[in-house]
Amino acid sequence: MKFSGEHKVSIDLKGRVSIPASFRDELRQKYDSVGLVVTRYKNGLVAYPPPRWEEICANVFSMPPGPKREANIRSRIAPAKECSFNAQGRIQIPQSLREHAGLDKDVVVVGMFEKIEIWSQIAHTLIAAESESMLDEDAQGQADLGF
């Protein structure tokens, strides 16, 4: 599965966000899926194909009981919501998740190979700058990768 690209979209008053057609096509072809599971991730959201989400849940539930397992359940699994595509290729993001990510108008949908990140424009600008700074500090590692 390869989701890639940054797509600037708008979120409407009902919380609907358009997911790029190439992402939807990939979901249908690889997973026969017509939706995504969306949950909290840092200051944004992350969306997974339902079969991948089931794998993640299994990984979490196989952790030994304790604070890390509970934190994963509380922060990632409990707020997750399965969101189906409407006829226009949009998903409706629940209010609680929109509030967590600060989604109000301008949204960036980012393909991250096996997952899709959904950020407010402001949060995306900040996380992209942090990523660039981290990579700049690792010039040799970047060169070794071919960048």
C-alpha atoms as a PDB file:
ATOM      1  CA  MET A   1       0.000   0.000   0.000  1.00  0.00           C
ATOM      2  CA  LYS A   2       1.413   3.340  -0.975  1.00  0.00           C
ATOM      3  CA  PHE A   3      -0.359   6.535  -0.088  1.00  0.00           C
ATOM      4  CA  SER A   4       1.788   9.502  -1.053  1.00  0.00           C
ATOM      5  CA  GLY A   5       1.474  13.198  -1.647  1.00  0.00           C
ATOM      6  CA  GLU A   6       0.277  16.279   0.205  1.00  0.00           C
ATOM      7  CA  HIS A   7      -3.185  17.501  -0.674  1.00  0.00           C
ATOM      8  CA  LYS A   8      -4.637  20.799   0.526  1.00  0.00           C
ATOM      9  CA  VAL A   9      -8.390  20.516   0.959  1.00  0.00           C
ATOM     10  CA  SER A  10     -11.165  22.235   2.892  1.00  0.00           C
ATOM     11  CA  ILE A  11     -13.319  20.866   5.656  1.00  0.00           C
ATOM     12  CA  ASP A  12     -16.972  21.868   5.481  1.00  0.00           C
ATOM     13  CA  LEU A  13     -19.252  22.868   8.361  1.00  0.00           C
ATOM     14  CA  LYS A  14     -20.400  19.254   8.795  1.00  0.00           C
ATOM     15  CA  GLY A  15     -16.799  18.075   9.199  1.00  0.00           C
ATOM     16  CA  ARG A  16     -16.487  16.426   5.801  1.00  0.00           C
ATOM     17  CA  VAL A  17     -13.039  16.170   4.222  1.00  0.00           C
ATOM     18  CA  SER A  18     -12.303  15.021   0.685  1.00  0.00           C
ATOM     19  CA  ILE A  19      -9.859  12.123   0.482  1.00  0.00           C
ATOM     20  CA  PRO A  20      -7.846  12.130  -2.772  1.00  0.00           C
ATOM     21  CA  ALA A  21      -9.153   9.818  -5.497  1.00  0.00           C
ATOM     22  CA  SER A  22      -5.783   8.061  -5.750  1.00  0.00           C
ATOM     23  CA  PHE A  23      -6.022   7.132  -2.049  1.00  0.00           C
ATOM     24  CA  ARG A  24      -9.588   5.864  -2.442  1.00  0.00           C
ATOM     25  CA  ASP A  25      -8.581   3.818  -5.509  1.00  0.00           C
ATOM     26  CA  GLU A  26      -5.714   2.247  -3.555  1.00  0.00           C
ATOM     27  CA  LEU A  27      -8.078   1.375  -0.694  1.00  0.00           C
ATOM     28  CA  ARG A  28     -10.560  -0.285  -3.040  1.00  0.00           C
ATOM     29  CA  GLN A  29      -7.913  -2.233  -4.964  1.00  0.00           C
ATOM     30  CA  LYS A  30      -5.836  -3.461  -2.037  1.00  0.00           C
ATOM     31  CA  TYR A  31      -8.402  -3.756   0.755  1.00  0.00           C
ATOM     32  CA  ASP A  32     -11.791  -3.662  -0.955  1.00  0.00           C
ATOM     33  CA  SER A  33     -12.471  -0.882   1.534  1.00  0.00           C
ATOM     34  CA  VAL A  34     -14.857   2.056   1.258  1.00  0.00           C
ATOM     35  CA  GLY A  35     -13.707   3.871   4.364  1.00  0.00           C
ATOM     36  CA  LEU A  36     -10.986   4.614   6.861  1.00  0.00           C
ATOM     37  CA  VAL A  37     -10.512   4.345  10.608  1.00  0.00           C
ATOM     38  CA  VAL A  38      -9.551   7.785  11.935  1.00  0.00           C
ATOM     39  CA  THR A  39      -7.983   8.491  15.326  1.00  0.00           C
ATOM     40  CA  ARG A  40      -5.844  11.024  17.168  1.00  0.00           C
ATOM     41  CA  TYR A  41      -2.143  11.363  16.368  1.00  0.00           C
ATOM     42  CA  LYS A  42       0.054  14.052  17.910  1.00  0.00           C
ATOM     43  CA  ASN A  43      -1.693  17.377  17.131  1.00  0.00           C
ATOM     44  CA  GLY A  44      -3.499  15.915  14.134  1.00  0.00           C
ATOM     45  CA  LEU A  45      -5.282  12.795  12.995  1.00  0.00           C
ATOM     46  CA  VAL A  46      -4.226   9.575  11.343  1.00  0.00           C
ATOM     47  CA  ALA A  47      -6.373   7.314   9.164  1.00  0.00           C
ATOM     48  CA  TYR A  48      -5.849   3.632   8.404  1.00  0.00           C
ATOM     49  CA  PRO A  49      -7.469   1.081   6.117  1.00  0.00           C
ATOM     50  CA  PRO A  50      -9.717  -1.052   8.377  1.00  0.00           C
ATOM     51  CA  PRO A  51      -7.620  -4.254   7.974  1.00  0.00           C
ATOM     52  CA  ARG A  52      -4.457  -2.359   8.976  1.00  0.00           C
ATOM     53  CA  TRP A  53      -6.305  -0.868  11.948  1.00  0.00           C
ATOM     54  CA  GLU A  54      -7.269  -4.371  13.101  1.00  0.00           C
ATOM     55  CA  GLU A  55      -3.572  -5.339  13.023  1.00  0.00           C
ATOM     56  CA  ILE A  56      -2.682  -2.299  15.126  1.00  0.00           C
ATOM     57  CA  CYS A  57      -5.402  -3.125  17.655  1.00  0.00           C
ATOM     58  CA  ALA A  58      -4.141  -6.706  17.886  1.00  0.00           C
ATOM     59  CA  ASN A  59      -0.616  -5.390  18.522  1.00  0.00           C
ATOM     60  CA  VAL A  60      -1.856  -3.130  21.314  1.00  0.00           C
ATOM     61  CA  PHE A  61      -3.986  -5.829  22.924  1.00  0.00           C
ATOM     62  CA  SER A  62      -1.025  -8.235  22.860  1.00  0.00           C
ATOM     63  CA  MET A  63       1.026  -5.826  24.986  1.00  0.00           C
ATOM     64  CA  PRO A  64       1.450  -6.815  28.620  1.00  0.00           C
ATOM     65  CA  PRO A  65      -1.124  -5.140  30.868  1.00  0.00           C
ATOM     66  CA  GLY A  66       0.150  -1.864  32.221  1.00  0.00           C
ATOM     67  CA  PRO A  67       0.316   1.898  31.749  1.00  0.00           C
ATOM     68  CA  LYS A  68       1.665   1.879  28.156  1.00  0.00           C
ATOM     69  CA  ARG A  69      -1.063  -0.483  26.992  1.00  0.00           C
ATOM     70  CA  GLU A  70      -3.724   1.574  28.752  1.00  0.00           C
ATOM     71  CA  ALA A  71      -2.323   4.814  27.280  1.00  0.00           C
ATOM     72  CA  ASN A  72      -2.496   3.358  23.767  1.00  0.00           C
ATOM     73  CA  ILE A  73      -6.059   2.209  24.316  1.00  0.00           C
ATOM     74  CA  ARG A  74      -7.131   5.504  25.884  1.00  0.00           C
ATOM     75  CA  SER A  75      -5.367   7.828  23.411  1.00  0.00           C
ATOM     76  CA  ARG A  76      -5.513   5.924  20.127  1.00  0.00           C
ATOM     77  CA  ILE A  77      -8.058   3.098  20.147  1.00  0.00           C
ATOM     78  CA  ALA A  78     -10.892   4.560  22.242  1.00  0.00           C
ATOM     79  CA  PRO A  79     -11.299   7.766  20.175  1.00  0.00           C
ATOM     80  CA  ALA A  80     -11.052   5.941  16.819  1.00  0.00           C
ATOM     81  CA  LYS A  81     -14.005   6.141  14.457  1.00  0.00           C
ATOM     82  CA  GLU A  82     -14.685   4.249  11.241  1.00  0.00           C
ATOM     83  CA  CYS A  83     -15.572   6.796   8.558  1.00  0.00           C
ATOM     84  CA  SER A  84     -17.164   5.725   5.262  1.00  0.00           C
ATOM     85  CA  PHE A  85     -16.799   7.618   1.992  1.00  0.00           C
ATOM     86  CA  ASN A  86     -19.841   9.431   0.683  1.00  0.00           C
ATOM     87  CA  ALA A  87     -20.653   9.728  -3.033  1.00  0.00           C
ATOM     88  CA  GLN A  88     -18.256  12.684  -3.367  1.00  0.00           C
ATOM     89  CA  GLY A  89     -15.322  10.794  -1.806  1.00  0.00           C
ATOM     90  CA  ARG A  90     -15.500  12.589   1.536  1.00  0.00           C
ATOM     91  CA  ILE A  91     -15.386  11.246   5.066  1.00  0.00           C
ATOM     92  CA  GLN A  92     -17.149  12.927   7.961  1.00  0.00           C
ATOM     93  CA  ILE A  93     -14.778  13.415  10.869  1.00  0.00           C
ATOM     94  CA  PRO A  94     -16.464  13.427  14.294  1.00  0.00           C
ATOM     95  CA  GLN A  95     -16.492  16.706  16.219  1.00  0.00           C
ATOM     96  CA  SER A  96     -14.253  15.352  19.011  1.00  0.00           C
ATOM     97  CA  LEU A  97     -11.529  14.430  16.518  1.00  0.00           C
ATOM     98  CA  ARG A  98     -11.889  17.745  14.652  1.00  0.00           C
ATOM     99  CA  GLU A  99     -11.453  19.601  17.932  1.00  0.00           C
ATOM    100  CA  HIS A 100      -8.384  17.549  18.877  1.00  0.00           C
ATOM    101  CA  ALA A 101      -6.709  18.393  15.549  1.00  0.00           C
ATOM    102  CA  GLY A 102      -7.924  21.988  15.387  1.00  0.00           C
ATOM    103  CA  LEU A 103      -9.578  21.400  12.017  1.00  0.00           C
ATOM    104  CA  ASP A 104     -11.667  24.365  10.972  1.00  0.00           C
ATOM    105  CA  LYS A 105     -11.234  25.243   7.287  1.00  0.00           C
ATOM    106  CA  ASP A 106      -7.886  24.549   5.636  1.00  0.00           C
ATOM    107  CA  VAL A 107      -6.740  20.943   5.957  1.00  0.00           C
ATOM    108  CA  VAL A 108      -3.737  19.018   4.621  1.00  0.00           C
ATOM    109  CA  VAL A 109      -4.145  15.315   3.821  1.00  0.00           C
ATOM    110  CA  VAL A 110      -0.739  13.603   3.692  1.00  0.00           C
ATOM    111  CA  GLY A 111      -0.059  10.140   2.292  1.00  0.00           C
ATOM    112  CA  MET A 112       2.428   8.329   4.532  1.00  0.00           C
ATOM    113  CA  PHE A 113       2.616   5.007   2.656  1.00  0.00           C
ATOM    114  CA  GLU A 114       0.524   2.756   4.960  1.00  0.00           C
ATOM    115  CA  LYS A 115      -1.396   5.529   6.675  1.00  0.00           C
ATOM    116  CA  ILE A 116      -2.910   8.924   5.941  1.00  0.00           C
ATOM    117  CA  GLU A 117      -2.297  11.927   8.169  1.00  0.00           C
ATOM    118  CA  ILE A 118      -4.836  14.748   8.435  1.00  0.00           C
ATOM    119  CA  TRP A 119      -3.589  18.086   9.755  1.00  0.00           C
ATOM    120  CA  SER A 120      -4.806  21.633  10.099  1.00  0.00           C
ATOM    121  CA  GLN A 121      -2.783  23.884   7.777  1.00  0.00           C
ATOM    122  CA  ILE A 122      -1.053  25.460  10.796  1.00  0.00           C
ATOM    123  CA  ALA A 123      -0.165  22.141  12.460  1.00  0.00           C
ATOM    124  CA  HIS A 124       1.108  20.747   9.154  1.00  0.00           C
ATOM    125  CA  THR A 125       3.389  23.751   8.644  1.00  0.00           C
ATOM    126  CA  LEU A 126       4.844  23.229  12.137  1.00  0.00           C
ATOM    127  CA  ILE A 127       5.319  19.454  11.845  1.00  0.00           C
ATOM    128  CA  ALA A 128       6.888  19.830   8.385  1.00  0.00           C
ATOM    129  CA  ALA A 129       9.361  22.406   9.749  1.00  0.00           C
ATOM    130  CA  GLU A 130      10.230  20.094  12.665  1.00  0.00           C
ATOM    131  CA  SER A 131      10.813  17.223  10.239  1.00  0.00           C
ATOM    132  CA  GLU A 132      13.051  19.349   8.004  1.00  0.00           C
ATOM    133  CA  SER A 133      15.064  20.520  11.008  1.00  0.00           C
ATOM    134  CA  MET A 134      15.559  16.945  12.197  1.00  0.00           C
ATOM    135  CA  LEU A 135      16.671  15.838   8.736  1.00  0.00           C
ATOM    136  CA  ASP A 136      19.022  18.817   8.351  1.00  0.00           C
ATOM    137  CA  GLU A 137      20.802  17.684  11.522  1.00  0.00           C
ATOM    138  CA  ASP A 138      21.392  14.270   9.924  1.00  0.00           C
ATOM    139  CA  ALA A 139      23.046  15.304   6.663  1.00  0.00           C
ATOM    140  CA  GLN A 140      25.153  12.134   6.427  1.00  0.00           C
ATOM    141  CA  GLY A 141      22.181   9.881   7.069  1.00  0.00           C
ATOM    142  CA  GLN A 142      20.243  11.720   4.384  1.00  0.00           C
ATOM    143  CA  ALA A 143      23.144  11.352   1.945  1.00  0.00           C
ATOM    144  CA  ASP A 144      23.324   7.628   2.734  1.00  0.00           C
ATOM    145  CA  LEU A 145      19.644   7.356   1.765  1.00  0.00           C
ATOM    146  CA  GLY A 146      20.315   9.137  -1.518  1.00  0.00           C
ATOM    147  CA  PHE A 147      18.810  12.528  -0.659  1.00  0.00           C
END
